[in-house]
Amino acid sequence: MIFKFFKASFSALIGRRQWFKIKKKYDIENGKYVLLMPENDRELNETALKHVDDLLKYRKGKSVLILSTDNWVLENAKNFSNNILDVVKITEKQMDNYCYYYYYYFSERFLIVSFTKPYGNVLFKADGINRVTKEDLICLGIFLIRSWESKEECHG
C-alpha cells in the first residue's frame, strides 16, 4: 500500500514536470487549453473534437493543444477545427503521469477527455440514463460548457 502511494506520488511529480515543459513551450496560460485524449475510443474522441470550438467559445479561449496516444486522433484532429494549435503524440507512461498529476488539479486549462481516467472517473455510468448522451457527458462533464443544451430531451 505504501509502495503504491510513493509510486503514484513519484508519477505525479513527473507529470508536473511534463506539464511545466508543455506550459512553457506552448504558452498555455495565454488563452490556450490542453486536451489529454488517452482513450482509443473513436466515438468519444470524435465527439470531443467536434466540440473544440464550443469549448473555446464558452471559455473565451484561443486554441487547444491535444496530447494523445491514439493514432486516429493524431491523424485526424486538425480536420475538426482551425483552433487546434498542435497534436502531440505521447507515450502511455507520459499519459499515466499526466493522469496522476491531474489529482492535484494544477490547471483549469488541462482537461482529460475520458469517461474512466483518471481513476475514479465514472462518467461512463451516466451514458444512456434518462437519454443522456456521450455528447452531453463530454460537453457538460468534461468541457464544463454550462450553456450546453442537449439535442435529446432528457428525463430525470
Foldseek 3Di string as FASTA:
>chain_A
DVVVVVVLVVLLVVLVVVVVVCCVVVVCVQQEAEEEEEDQDVVLLVLLLLCQVVLCVLVVGQAYEYEYQHPVCQPCSCVRDVRHPYYHYDDPSNSSSNLSNCVVVPDPRYWYSDCCTPDPRNLVVCDPQQPQHSSNCCVCVTSNRVVDDDPDDGDD
